[in-house]
C-alpha atoms as a PDB file:
ATOM      1  CA  MET A   1    -223.335  35.135-157.590  1.00  0.00           C
ATOM      2  CA  ALA A   2    -227.051  35.637-156.972  1.00  0.00           C
ATOM      3  CA  GLU A   3    -229.328  35.469-159.996  1.00  0.00           C
ATOM      4  CA  ASP A   4    -230.635  38.985-159.369  1.00  0.00           C
ATOM      5  CA  ASP A   5    -228.104  40.940-157.357  1.00  0.00           C
ATOM      6  CA  GLY A   6    -229.333  44.386-158.384  1.00  0.00           C
ATOM      7  CA  ALA A   7    -226.032  45.313-160.042  1.00  0.00           C
ATOM      8  CA  GLY A   8    -226.313  47.856-162.836  1.00  0.00           C
ATOM      9  CA  GLU A   9    -224.999  47.362-166.350  1.00  0.00           C
ATOM     10  CA  GLU A  10    -221.830  49.382-165.715  1.00  0.00           C
ATOM     11  CA  ILE A  11    -220.823  47.178-162.775  1.00  0.00           C
ATOM     12  CA  ARG A  12    -221.704  44.015-164.666  1.00  0.00           C
ATOM     13  CA  LEU A  13    -219.569  45.018-167.660  1.00  0.00           C
ATOM     14  CA  ARG A  14    -216.642  46.009-165.433  1.00  0.00           C
ATOM     15  CA  TYR A  15    -216.711  42.567-163.839  1.00  0.00           C
ATOM     16  CA  ARG A  16    -217.832  40.691-166.927  1.00  0.00           C
ATOM     17  CA  TYR A  17    -215.757  37.615-166.077  1.00  0.00           C
ATOM     18  CA  LEU A  18    -217.857  37.241-162.918  1.00  0.00           C
ATOM     19  CA  ASP A  19    -221.139  38.193-164.578  1.00  0.00           C
ATOM     20  CA  LEU A  20    -220.642  35.384-167.089  1.00  0.00           C
ATOM     21  CA  ARG A  21    -220.696  32.838-164.265  1.00  0.00           C
ATOM     22  CA  ARG A  22    -224.333  33.586-163.465  1.00  0.00           C
ATOM     23  CA  GLU A  23    -226.754  30.825-164.361  1.00  0.00           C
ATOM     24  CA  LYS A  24    -228.895  33.167-166.491  1.00  0.00           C
ATOM     25  CA  MET A  25    -225.905  34.379-168.518  1.00  0.00           C
ATOM     26  CA  GLN A  26    -224.628  30.841-168.979  1.00  0.00           C
ATOM     27  CA  LYS A  27    -228.044  29.769-170.210  1.00  0.00           C
ATOM     28  CA  ASN A  28    -228.325  32.686-172.653  1.00  0.00           C
ATOM     29  CA  ILE A  29    -224.886  32.145-174.172  1.00  0.00           C
ATOM     30  CA  ARG A  30    -225.415  28.403-174.532  1.00  0.00           C
ATOM     31  CA  LEU A  31    -228.783  29.104-176.161  1.00  0.00           C
ATOM     32  CA  ARG A  32    -227.181  31.424-178.717  1.00  0.00           C
ATOM     33  CA  ASN A  33    -224.608  28.752-179.534  1.00  0.00           C
ATOM     34  CA  ALA A  34    -227.313  26.114-179.936  1.00  0.00           C
ATOM     35  CA  VAL A  35    -229.502  28.333-182.145  1.00  0.00           C
ATOM     36  CA  THR A  36    -226.541  29.203-184.387  1.00  0.00           C
ATOM     37  CA  ALA A  37    -225.620  25.520-184.720  1.00  0.00           C
ATOM     38  CA  SER A  38    -229.247  24.675-185.547  1.00  0.00           C
ATOM     39  CA  MET A  39    -229.382  27.379-188.256  1.00  0.00           C
ATOM     40  CA  ARG A  40    -226.205  26.064-189.854  1.00  0.00           C
ATOM     41  CA  LYS A  41    -227.436  22.470-189.819  1.00  0.00           C
ATOM     42  CA  ARG A  42    -230.761  23.400-191.429  1.00  0.00           C
ATOM     43  CA  MET A  43    -229.087  25.497-194.146  1.00  0.00           C
ATOM     44  CA  TRP A  44    -226.479  22.810-194.879  1.00  0.00           C
ATOM     45  CA  GLU A  45    -229.267  20.241-195.228  1.00  0.00           C
ATOM     46  CA  GLN A  46    -230.725  22.399-198.019  1.00  0.00           C
ATOM     47  CA  ASN A  47    -227.382  22.431-199.886  1.00  0.00           C
ATOM     48  CA  PHE A  48    -226.390  25.990-199.013  1.00  0.00           C
ATOM     49  CA  GLN A  49    -222.709  26.947-198.981  1.00  0.00           C
ATOM     50  CA  GLU A  50    -221.433  28.928-195.997  1.00  0.00           C
ATOM     51  CA  PHE A  51    -218.842  31.643-196.688  1.00  0.00           C
ATOM     52  CA  GLN A  52    -217.238  34.288-194.486  1.00  0.00           C
ATOM     53  CA  THR A  53    -217.135  37.690-196.177  1.00  0.00           C
ATOM     54  CA  PRO A  54    -214.578  40.458-195.379  1.00  0.00           C
ATOM     55  CA  ILE A  55    -215.036  42.769-192.392  1.00  0.00           C
ATOM     56  CA  LEU A  56    -212.751  45.618-193.504  1.00  0.00           C
ATOM     57  CA  THR A  57    -214.147  46.838-196.802  1.00  0.00           C
ATOM     58  CA  ALA A  58    -215.177  49.829-198.875  1.00  0.00           C
ATOM     59  CA  SER A  59    -218.328  51.690-197.912  1.00  0.00           C
ATOM     60  CA  SER A  60    -221.568  50.050-199.031  1.00  0.00           C
ATOM     61  CA  PRO A  61    -224.373  52.146-197.516  1.00  0.00           C
ATOM     62  CA  GLU A  62    -227.464  50.274-196.286  1.00  0.00           C
ATOM     63  CA  GLY A  63    -229.448  53.206-194.927  1.00  0.00           C
ATOM     64  CA  ALA A  64    -227.347  54.064-191.869  1.00  0.00           C
ATOM     65  CA  ARG A  65    -223.985  55.657-191.143  1.00  0.00           C
ATOM     66  CA  ASP A  66    -220.834  53.573-191.548  1.00  0.00           C
ATOM     67  CA  TYR A  67    -218.327  52.811-188.820  1.00  0.00           C
ATOM     68  CA  LEU A  68    -214.920  53.781-190.205  1.00  0.00           C
ATOM     69  CA  VAL A  69    -211.453  52.348-189.458  1.00  0.00           C
ATOM     70  CA  PRO A  70    -208.381  54.435-190.434  1.00  0.00           C
ATOM     71  CA  SER A  71    -205.847  52.741-192.706  1.00  0.00           C
ATOM     72  CA  ARG A  72    -202.255  52.610-191.424  1.00  0.00           C
ATOM     73  CA  LEU A  73    -200.802  51.953-194.872  1.00  0.00           C
ATOM     74  CA  HIS A  74    -202.830  54.631-196.642  1.00  0.00           C
ATOM     75  CA  PRO A  75    -202.925  57.751-194.432  1.00  0.00           C
ATOM     76  CA  GLY A  76    -206.098  59.782-194.806  1.00  0.00           C
ATOM     77  CA  LYS A  77    -208.083  56.822-196.113  1.00  0.00           C
ATOM     78  CA  PHE A  78    -210.522  54.608-194.208  1.00  0.00           C
ATOM     79  CA  TYR A  79    -212.043  51.161-194.267  1.00  0.00           C
ATOM     80  CA  ALA A  80    -215.751  50.758-193.497  1.00  0.00           C
ATOM     81  CA  LEU A  81    -217.244  48.017-191.372  1.00  0.00           C
ATOM     82  CA  PRO A  82    -220.021  46.320-193.394  1.00  0.00           C
ATOM     83  CA  GLN A  83    -223.633  47.252-192.701  1.00  0.00           C
ATOM     84  CA  ALA A  84    -224.463  43.983-194.509  1.00  0.00           C
ATOM     85  CA  PRO A  85    -222.438  41.681-196.798  1.00  0.00           C
ATOM     86  CA  GLN A  86    -224.520  42.778-199.793  1.00  0.00           C
ATOM     87  CA  GLN A  87    -221.834  43.304-202.439  1.00  0.00           C
ATOM     88  CA  PHE A  88    -219.836  40.222-201.505  1.00  0.00           C
ATOM     89  CA  LYS A  89    -222.763  37.824-201.608  1.00  0.00           C
ATOM     90  CA  GLN A  90    -223.868  39.198-204.977  1.00  0.00           C
ATOM     91  CA  MET A  91    -220.353  38.599-206.320  1.00  0.00           C
ATOM     92  CA  LEU A  92    -220.645  35.024-205.072  1.00  0.00           C
ATOM     93  CA  MET A  93    -223.882  34.634-207.040  1.00  0.00           C
ATOM     94  CA  VAL A  94    -222.205  35.950-210.190  1.00  0.00           C
ATOM     95  CA  GLY A  95    -219.310  33.585-209.509  1.00  0.00           C
ATOM     96  CA  GLY A  96    -221.612  30.566-209.692  1.00  0.00           C
ATOM     97  CA  PHE A  97    -222.314  29.860-206.015  1.00  0.00           C
ATOM     98  CA  ASP A  98    -226.088  29.914-206.260  1.00  0.00           C
ATOM     99  CA  ARG A  99    -227.032  29.115-202.637  1.00  0.00           C
ATOM    100  CA  TYR A 100    -225.129  31.095-199.988  1.00  0.00           C
ATOM    101  CA  PHE A 101    -225.625  31.782-196.305  1.00  0.00           C
ATOM    102  CA  GLN A 102    -223.669  33.373-193.495  1.00  0.00           C
ATOM    103  CA  ILE A 103    -224.279  34.169-189.824  1.00  0.00           C
ATOM    104  CA  ALA A 104    -223.128  37.673-190.684  1.00  0.00           C
ATOM    105  CA  PRO A 105    -221.905  40.445-188.352  1.00  0.00           C
ATOM    106  CA  CYS A 106    -223.348  43.835-189.330  1.00  0.00           C
ATOM    107  CA  PHE A 107    -222.300  47.265-188.074  1.00  0.00           C
ATOM    108  CA  ARG A 108    -224.681  50.222-188.305  1.00  0.00           C
ATOM    109  CA  ASP A 109    -224.442  53.614-186.657  1.00  0.00           C
ATOM    110  CA  GLU A 110    -228.228  53.915-186.459  1.00  0.00           C
ATOM    111  CA  ASP A 111    -229.676  55.751-183.467  1.00  0.00           C
ATOM    112  CA  GLY A 112    -233.308  55.562-184.534  1.00  0.00           C
ATOM    113  CA  ARG A 113    -233.692  51.769-184.654  1.00  0.00           C
ATOM    114  CA  ALA A 114    -233.781  50.080-181.265  1.00  0.00           C
ATOM    115  CA  ASP A 115    -233.687  46.628-182.916  1.00  0.00           C
ATOM    116  CA  ARG A 116    -230.492  47.492-184.811  1.00  0.00           C
ATOM    117  CA  LEU A 117    -227.756  48.299-182.348  1.00  0.00           C
ATOM    118  CA  ALA A 118    -224.170  49.178-183.238  1.00  0.00           C
ATOM    119  CA  GLU A 119    -223.338  45.515-183.874  1.00  0.00           C
ATOM    120  CA  PHE A 120    -225.739  42.672-184.591  1.00  0.00           C
ATOM    121  CA  TYR A 121    -225.717  39.320-186.361  1.00  0.00           C
ATOM    122  CA  GLN A 122    -228.184  38.109-188.960  1.00  0.00           C
ATOM    123  CA  LEU A 123    -228.792  34.948-190.951  1.00  0.00           C
ATOM    124  CA  ASP A 124    -227.899  36.340-194.373  1.00  0.00           C
ATOM    125  CA  VAL A 125    -229.086  34.305-197.374  1.00  0.00           C
ATOM    126  CA  GLU A 126    -228.757  34.725-201.131  1.00  0.00           C
ATOM    127  CA  MET A 127    -230.236  32.498-203.850  1.00  0.00           C
ATOM    128  CA  SER A 128    -230.049  32.718-207.630  1.00  0.00           C
ATOM    129  CA  PHE A 129    -232.966  32.426-210.075  1.00  0.00           C
ATOM    130  CA  VAL A 130    -235.702  31.904-207.506  1.00  0.00           C
ATOM    131  CA  THR A 131    -239.249  33.072-206.955  1.00  0.00           C
ATOM    132  CA  GLN A 132    -240.819  34.450-203.801  1.00  0.00           C
ATOM    133  CA  GLU A 133    -242.353  31.025-203.193  1.00  0.00           C
ATOM    134  CA  ASP A 134    -238.898  29.391-203.386  1.00  0.00           C
ATOM    135  CA  ILE A 135    -237.647  31.713-200.649  1.00  0.00           C
ATOM    136  CA  HIS A 136    -240.663  30.975-198.466  1.00  0.00           C
ATOM    137  CA  ALA A 137    -240.243  27.224-198.961  1.00  0.00           C
ATOM    138  CA  THR A 138    -236.563  27.496-197.992  1.00  0.00           C
ATOM    139  CA  MET A 139    -236.826  29.740-194.958  1.00  0.00           C
ATOM    140  CA  GLN A 140    -240.108  28.599-193.396  1.00  0.00           C
ATOM    141  CA  PRO A 141    -238.753  25.245-192.156  1.00  0.00           C
ATOM    142  CA  VAL A 142    -235.654  27.021-190.799  1.00  0.00           C
ATOM    143  CA  VAL A 143    -237.641  29.540-188.752  1.00  0.00           C
ATOM    144  CA  GLU A 144    -240.339  27.090-187.727  1.00  0.00           C
ATOM    145  CA  GLY A 145    -237.800  24.390-186.858  1.00  0.00           C
ATOM    146  CA  ILE A 146    -235.734  26.692-184.652  1.00  0.00           C
ATOM    147  CA  PHE A 147    -238.758  27.938-182.729  1.00  0.00           C
ATOM    148  CA  ASN A 148    -240.028  24.374-182.290  1.00  0.00           C
ATOM    149  CA  GLU A 149    -236.631  23.166-181.144  1.00  0.00           C
ATOM    150  CA  PHE A 150    -236.129  25.941-178.577  1.00  0.00           C
ATOM    151  CA  ALA A 151    -239.755  26.812-177.740  1.00  0.00           C
ATOM    152  CA  ASP A 152    -239.465  25.567-174.166  1.00  0.00           C
ATOM    153  CA  PHE A 153    -236.361  27.642-173.372  1.00  0.00           C
ATOM    154  CA  THR A 154    -238.417  29.961-171.158  1.00  0.00           C
ATOM    155  CA  GLY A 155    -239.908  27.003-169.327  1.00  0.00           C
ATOM    156  CA  GLU A 156    -243.240  27.351-171.141  1.00  0.00           C
ATOM    157  CA  LYS A 157    -243.758  25.067-174.127  1.00  0.00           C
ATOM    158  CA  ARG A 158    -245.285  27.041-176.994  1.00  0.00           C
ATOM    159  CA  ASP A 159    -246.935  25.878-180.182  1.00  0.00           C
ATOM    160  CA  VAL A 160    -245.771  27.277-183.525  1.00  0.00           C
ATOM    161  CA  LYS A 161    -248.445  28.302-186.014  1.00  0.00           C
ATOM    162  CA  TRP A 162    -247.808  29.540-189.545  1.00  0.00           C
ATOM    163  CA  LEU A 163    -250.632  31.716-190.850  1.00  0.00           C
ATOM    164  CA  PRO A 164    -251.548  32.545-194.476  1.00  0.00           C
ATOM    165  CA  ASN A 165    -249.632  35.292-196.266  1.00  0.00           C
ATOM    166  CA  ILE A 166    -250.647  38.912-195.595  1.00  0.00           C
ATOM    167  CA  THR A 167    -250.063  41.665-198.127  1.00  0.00           C
ATOM    168  CA  TYR A 168    -248.090  44.698-197.000  1.00  0.00           C
ATOM    169  CA  ALA A 169    -251.123  46.945-197.597  1.00  0.00           C
ATOM    170  CA  ASP A 170    -253.365  44.747-195.433  1.00  0.00           C
ATOM    171  CA  ALA A 171    -250.728  44.506-192.702  1.00  0.00           C
ATOM    172  CA  MET A 172    -250.389  48.285-192.498  1.00  0.00           C
ATOM    173  CA  LEU A 173    -254.175  48.761-192.478  1.00  0.00           C
ATOM    174  CA  LYS A 174    -255.115  45.983-190.033  1.00  0.00           C
ATOM    175  CA  TYR A 175    -252.083  46.041-187.744  1.00  0.00           C
ATOM    176  CA  GLY A 176    -250.242  49.311-188.442  1.00  0.00           C
ATOM    177  CA  SER A 177    -246.964  47.403-188.886  1.00  0.00           C
ATOM    178  CA  ASP A 178    -245.223  45.090-191.345  1.00  0.00           C
ATOM    179  CA  LYS A 179    -244.118  42.937-188.392  1.00  0.00           C
ATOM    180  CA  PRO A 180    -247.302  42.651-186.301  1.00  0.00           C
ATOM    181  CA  ASP A 181    -247.826  40.575-183.185  1.00  0.00           C
ATOM    182  CA  LEU A 182    -250.504  38.217-184.507  1.00  0.00           C
ATOM    183  CA  ARG A 183    -251.222  36.857-181.034  1.00  0.00           C
ATOM    184  CA  ASN A 184    -253.050  40.134-180.469  1.00  0.00           C
ATOM    185  CA  PRO A 185    -256.573  39.567-181.889  1.00  0.00           C
ATOM    186  CA  LEU A 186    -257.435  43.280-182.248  1.00  0.00           C
ATOM    187  CA  GLU A 187    -257.572  44.723-185.755  1.00  0.00           C
ATOM    188  CA  ILE A 188    -257.572  48.257-187.120  1.00  0.00           C
ATOM    189  CA  VAL A 189    -260.279  49.465-189.526  1.00  0.00           C
ATOM    190  CA  ASP A 190    -260.568  52.601-191.615  1.00  0.00           C
ATOM    191  CA  VAL A 191    -263.522  54.775-190.575  1.00  0.00           C
ATOM    192  CA  THR A 192    -262.648  57.930-192.503  1.00  0.00           C
ATOM    193  CA  SER A 193    -265.992  57.782-194.329  1.00  0.00           C
ATOM    194  CA  VAL A 194    -267.903  58.034-191.032  1.00  0.00           C
ATOM    195  CA  PHE A 195    -266.170  61.221-189.900  1.00  0.00           C
ATOM    196  CA  ALA A 196    -266.388  62.726-193.406  1.00  0.00           C
ATOM    197  CA  ARG A 197    -270.202  62.643-193.244  1.00  0.00           C
ATOM    198  CA  ASP A 198    -272.046  65.964-193.255  1.00  0.00           C
ATOM    199  CA  ASP A 199    -273.898  65.102-190.026  1.00  0.00           C
ATOM    200  CA  VAL A 200    -270.685  64.421-188.074  1.00  0.00           C
ATOM    201  CA  GLU A 201    -269.394  67.619-186.502  1.00  0.00           C
ATOM    202  CA  PHE A 202    -266.090  66.532-184.963  1.00  0.00           C
ATOM    203  CA  LYS A 203    -263.942  69.338-186.354  1.00  0.00           C
ATOM    204  CA  ALA A 204    -260.637  67.974-185.037  1.00  0.00           C
ATOM    205  CA  PHE A 205    -260.957  64.992-187.394  1.00  0.00           C
ATOM    206  CA  LYS A 206    -262.689  66.826-190.238  1.00  0.00           C
ATOM    207  CA  GLY A 207    -259.842  69.318-190.575  1.00  0.00           C
ATOM    208  CA  THR A 208    -257.302  66.506-190.943  1.00  0.00           C
ATOM    209  CA  ILE A 209    -259.519  64.617-193.414  1.00  0.00           C
ATOM    210  CA  GLU A 210    -259.819  67.733-195.588  1.00  0.00           C
ATOM    211  CA  LYS A 211    -256.014  67.837-195.777  1.00  0.00           C
ATOM    212  CA  GLY A 212    -255.909  64.218-197.005  1.00  0.00           C
ATOM    213  CA  GLY A 213    -255.715  62.481-193.629  1.00  0.00           C
ATOM    214  CA  VAL A 214    -257.471  59.325-192.469  1.00  0.00           C
ATOM    215  CA  VAL A 215    -259.236  58.053-189.358  1.00  0.00           C
ATOM    216  CA  ARG A 216    -258.284  54.606-188.113  1.00  0.00           C
ATOM    217  CA  ALA A 217    -260.110  52.785-185.326  1.00  0.00           C
ATOM    218  CA  ILE A 218    -259.538  49.781-183.060  1.00  0.00           C
ATOM    219  CA  ARG A 219    -262.464  47.810-181.662  1.00  0.00           C
ATOM    220  CA  ALA A 220    -262.051  46.682-178.051  1.00  0.00           C
ATOM    221  CA  PRO A 221    -264.744  44.053-177.431  1.00  0.00           C
ATOM    222  CA  ALA A 222    -266.632  43.592-174.163  1.00  0.00           C
ATOM    223  CA  VAL A 223    -265.040  46.397-172.133  1.00  0.00           C
ATOM    224  CA  ALA A 224    -268.206  48.006-170.750  1.00  0.00           C
ATOM    225  CA  ASP A 225    -267.439  46.487-167.354  1.00  0.00           C
ATOM    226  CA  GLN A 226    -263.959  48.032-167.225  1.00  0.00           C
ATOM    227  CA  PRO A 227    -263.479  50.918-164.782  1.00  0.00           C
ATOM    228  CA  ARG A 228    -263.004  54.494-165.968  1.00  0.00           C
ATOM    229  CA  SER A 229    -259.309  54.130-165.171  1.00  0.00           C
ATOM    230  CA  PHE A 230    -259.005  51.666-168.085  1.00  0.00           C
ATOM    231  CA  PHE A 231    -259.875  54.433-170.536  1.00  0.00           C
ATOM    232  CA  ASP A 232    -257.995  57.139-168.637  1.00  0.00           C
ATOM    233  CA  LYS A 233    -254.761  55.109-168.677  1.00  0.00           C
ATOM    234  CA  LEU A 234    -255.013  54.610-172.432  1.00  0.00           C
ATOM    235  CA  ASN A 235    -255.609  58.328-172.878  1.00  0.00           C
ATOM    236  CA  SER A 236    -252.546  59.071-170.715  1.00  0.00           C
ATOM    237  CA  TRP A 237    -250.509  56.562-172.734  1.00  0.00           C
ATOM    238  CA  ALA A 238    -251.437  58.368-175.958  1.00  0.00           C
ATOM    239  CA  GLN A 239    -250.463  61.733-174.491  1.00  0.00           C
ATOM    240  CA  ALA A 240    -247.114  60.322-173.389  1.00  0.00           C
ATOM    241  CA  GLU A 241    -246.590  59.228-177.004  1.00  0.00           C
ATOM    242  CA  GLY A 242    -247.103  62.799-178.186  1.00  0.00           C
ATOM    243  CA  ALA A 243    -250.786  62.600-179.228  1.00  0.00           C
ATOM    244  CA  PRO A 244    -253.549  64.853-177.867  1.00  0.00           C
ATOM    245  CA  GLY A 245    -255.234  61.756-176.451  1.00  0.00           C
ATOM    246  CA  LEU A 246    -257.004  58.577-177.517  1.00  0.00           C
ATOM    247  CA  GLY A 247    -260.661  59.346-178.180  1.00  0.00           C
ATOM    248  CA  TYR A 248    -263.242  56.582-177.979  1.00  0.00           C
ATOM    249  CA  ILE A 249    -266.922  55.707-178.041  1.00  0.00           C
ATOM    250  CA  LEU A 250    -268.307  53.069-175.654  1.00  0.00           C
ATOM    251  CA  PHE A 251    -271.550  51.359-176.640  1.00  0.00           C
ATOM    252  CA  LYS A 252    -273.393  50.711-173.413  1.00  0.00           C
ATOM    253  CA  ASP A 253    -277.070  50.623-172.447  1.00  0.00           C
ATOM    254  CA  GLY A 254    -278.085  50.948-176.089  1.00  0.00           C
ATOM    255  CA  GLU A 255    -276.216  54.200-176.835  1.00  0.00           C
ATOM    256  CA  GLY A 256    -272.802  55.572-177.611  1.00  0.00           C
ATOM    257  CA  GLN A 257    -270.957  57.122-174.671  1.00  0.00           C
ATOM    258  CA  GLY A 258    -267.612  58.820-174.287  1.00  0.00           C
ATOM    259  CA  PRO A 259    -265.832  62.047-175.254  1.00  0.00           C
ATOM    260  CA  ILE A 260    -266.508  61.741-179.006  1.00  0.00           C
ATOM    261  CA  ALA A 261    -270.007  60.254-178.935  1.00  0.00           C
ATOM    262  CA  LYS A 262    -271.855  63.593-178.808  1.00  0.00           C
ATOM    263  CA  PHE A 263    -270.283  64.617-182.131  1.00  0.00           C
ATOM    264  CA  VAL A 264    -271.387  61.398-183.901  1.00  0.00           C
ATOM    265  CA  PRO A 265    -275.186  61.154-184.402  1.00  0.00           C
ATOM    266  CA  ALA A 266    -277.080  57.869-184.280  1.00  0.00           C
ATOM    267  CA  ALA A 267    -277.000  57.249-188.054  1.00  0.00           C
ATOM    268  CA  ALA A 268    -273.224  57.701-188.140  1.00  0.00           C
ATOM    269  CA  GLN A 269    -272.844  55.467-185.086  1.00  0.00           C
ATOM    270  CA  ASP A 270    -274.821  52.768-186.909  1.00  0.00           C
ATOM    271  CA  GLU A 271    -272.416  53.037-189.858  1.00  0.00           C
ATOM    272  CA  LEU A 272    -269.521  52.815-187.422  1.00  0.00           C
ATOM    273  CA  LYS A 273    -270.983  49.656-185.892  1.00  0.00           C
ATOM    274  CA  LYS A 274    -271.340  48.086-189.321  1.00  0.00           C
ATOM    275  CA  ILE A 275    -267.774  48.864-190.430  1.00  0.00           C
ATOM    276  CA  ALA A 276    -266.097  47.772-187.189  1.00  0.00           C
ATOM    277  CA  GLY A 277    -268.469  44.931-186.246  1.00  0.00           C
ATOM    278  CA  LEU A 278    -269.348  46.607-182.959  1.00  0.00           C
ATOM    279  CA  GLU A 279    -271.714  45.039-180.440  1.00  0.00           C
ATOM    280  CA  GLU A 280    -273.258  46.134-177.152  1.00  0.00           C
ATOM    281  CA  GLY A 281    -270.516  46.474-174.537  1.00  0.00           C
ATOM    282  CA  ASP A 282    -267.766  47.197-177.088  1.00  0.00           C
ATOM    283  CA  ALA A 283    -265.643  50.324-177.314  1.00  0.00           C
ATOM    284  CA  ILE A 284    -263.887  51.750-180.328  1.00  0.00           C
ATOM    285  CA  PHE A 285    -260.761  53.915-180.136  1.00  0.00           C
ATOM    286  CA  PHE A 286    -259.769  56.446-182.808  1.00  0.00           C
ATOM    287  CA  VAL A 287    -256.562  57.730-184.388  1.00  0.00           C
ATOM    288  CA  CYS A 288    -256.588  60.579-186.919  1.00  0.00           C
ATOM    289  CA  ASN A 289    -253.559  61.745-188.901  1.00  0.00           C
ATOM    290  CA  MET A 290    -251.971  61.534-192.331  1.00  0.00           C
ATOM    291  CA  GLU A 291    -252.003  57.944-193.521  1.00  0.00           C
ATOM    292  CA  GLY A 292    -248.443  56.873-192.655  1.00  0.00           C
ATOM    293  CA  LYS A 293    -248.464  58.445-189.190  1.00  0.00           C
ATOM    294  CA  ALA A 294    -252.003  57.191-188.528  1.00  0.00           C
ATOM    295  CA  ALA A 295    -251.015  53.619-189.386  1.00  0.00           C
ATOM    296  CA  LYS A 296    -247.957  53.719-187.136  1.00  0.00           C
ATOM    297  CA  PHE A 297    -249.777  55.208-184.160  1.00  0.00           C
ATOM    298  CA  ALA A 298    -252.825  52.951-184.594  1.00  0.00           C
ATOM    299  CA  GLY A 299    -250.461  49.956-184.561  1.00  0.00           C
ATOM    300  CA  ALA A 300    -248.979  51.134-181.272  1.00  0.00           C
ATOM    301  CA  ALA A 301    -252.468  51.831-179.878  1.00  0.00           C
ATOM    302  CA  ARG A 302    -253.603  48.356-180.898  1.00  0.00           C
ATOM    303  CA  ASP A 303    -250.856  46.841-178.732  1.00  0.00           C
ATOM    304  CA  ALA A 304    -251.473  49.287-175.868  1.00  0.00           C
ATOM    305  CA  ILE A 305    -255.189  48.422-175.780  1.00  0.00           C
ATOM    306  CA  CYS A 306    -254.453  44.696-175.827  1.00  0.00           C
ATOM    307  CA  ASN A 307    -251.873  45.128-173.046  1.00  0.00           C
ATOM    308  CA  ALA A 308    -254.450  47.001-170.930  1.00  0.00           C
ATOM    309  CA  LEU A 309    -257.016  44.177-171.104  1.00  0.00           C
ATOM    310  CA  PRO A 310    -257.138  41.942-168.017  1.00  0.00           C
ATOM    311  CA  GLU A 311    -255.833  38.390-168.129  1.00  0.00           C
ATOM    312  CA  GLY A 312    -258.502  35.999-169.373  1.00  0.00           C
ATOM    313  CA  HIS A 313    -260.354  38.643-171.376  1.00  0.00           C
ATOM    314  CA  LYS A 314    -261.730  37.396-174.718  1.00  0.00           C
ATOM    315  CA  ALA A 315    -259.452  39.799-176.620  1.00  0.00           C
ATOM    316  CA  ALA A 316    -256.327  39.358-174.464  1.00  0.00           C
ATOM    317  CA  ARG A 317    -253.097  38.374-176.195  1.00  0.00           C
ATOM    318  CA  GLU A 318    -253.008  34.648-176.913  1.00  0.00           C
ATOM    319  CA  GLN A 319    -250.536  32.772-174.732  1.00  0.00           C
ATOM    320  CA  GLY A 320    -248.525  29.614-175.298  1.00  0.00           C
ATOM    321  CA  VAL A 321    -248.070  30.109-179.026  1.00  0.00           C
ATOM    322  CA  TYR A 322    -245.818  31.719-181.647  1.00  0.00           C
ATOM    323  CA  LYS A 323    -247.598  32.956-184.779  1.00  0.00           C
ATOM    324  CA  PHE A 324    -245.792  33.667-188.022  1.00  0.00           C
ATOM    325  CA  CYS A 325    -246.749  34.704-191.533  1.00  0.00           C
ATOM    326  CA  TRP A 326    -245.105  36.087-194.656  1.00  0.00           C
ATOM    327  CA  ILE A 327    -245.728  39.735-195.535  1.00  0.00           C
ATOM    328  CA  VAL A 328    -245.907  39.922-199.337  1.00  0.00           C
ATOM    329  CA  ASP A 329    -246.412  42.442-202.133  1.00  0.00           C
ATOM    330  CA  PHE A 330    -244.228  45.175-200.697  1.00  0.00           C
ATOM    331  CA  PRO A 331    -244.448  48.463-202.601  1.00  0.00           C
ATOM    332  CA  ASP A 332    -241.605  49.390-204.933  1.00  0.00           C
ATOM    333  CA  VAL A 333    -239.068  51.721-203.334  1.00  0.00           C
END
């Protein structure tokens, strides 16, 4: 069977026994087997016990809807498929098994999370009487080791770099996400104070600020030589995401240019340059909304801007590397 025969998913699933013969499918399945074996080996080496927890169980909600299975012996009653083995692993801890792991199947009826389909597997770990640092020291060599071991799977050898811890608050401010792509060098800054100034007359932002909103901005360095289509495509991207647009100021020929520049006088532009570290030839893009929505959209805009930069640009996404860090100090929920 050809590697890319143009067959759709429905045809491929109907003839799955043939689809599985393709070189790409064979490679993917063998990779999954090898990664699972590597996880087990690394956890066993750290004296973890592996247990298999029940699949048919009572409901233990984890934030999504359960999948239910009717009971033959007890009409009108149902089993639930586990969203995670939470209760069972905690019972194991109470029972004296202080280091547990499982490559656990999880079932969640969760439409809104593209990374959590109906069925997925996770490396589930539980440890007794440990600190945050103990967890980091346990899991970092597992994650780093797996990525080092299988880094050349795509044919491109990649380095693995582990960066210093980032607090949740800093991650949401700088990257708009608690799982940021750190290969993207662009960072988000808060510029609410600039648009709250009396001499700034941009009413669209001022109205939101008065209601408690914020203005977040992303510096795009050295883009003065980009064509107008670069900015127009980003504006169209924002509109497709449900925003009015993606306003910006471009600093070129010693002055601010762009759709928002006329509302921001020179003194405010100087403050903007200081906060965002702007230089001649840079542009800065703006997002204004209530804090949570602003962070989320600014995070998406940060990636969209980086994706739009040409290959070889000084702020293009770094290639040939995986970058990891721990996000710490999550707020209480």
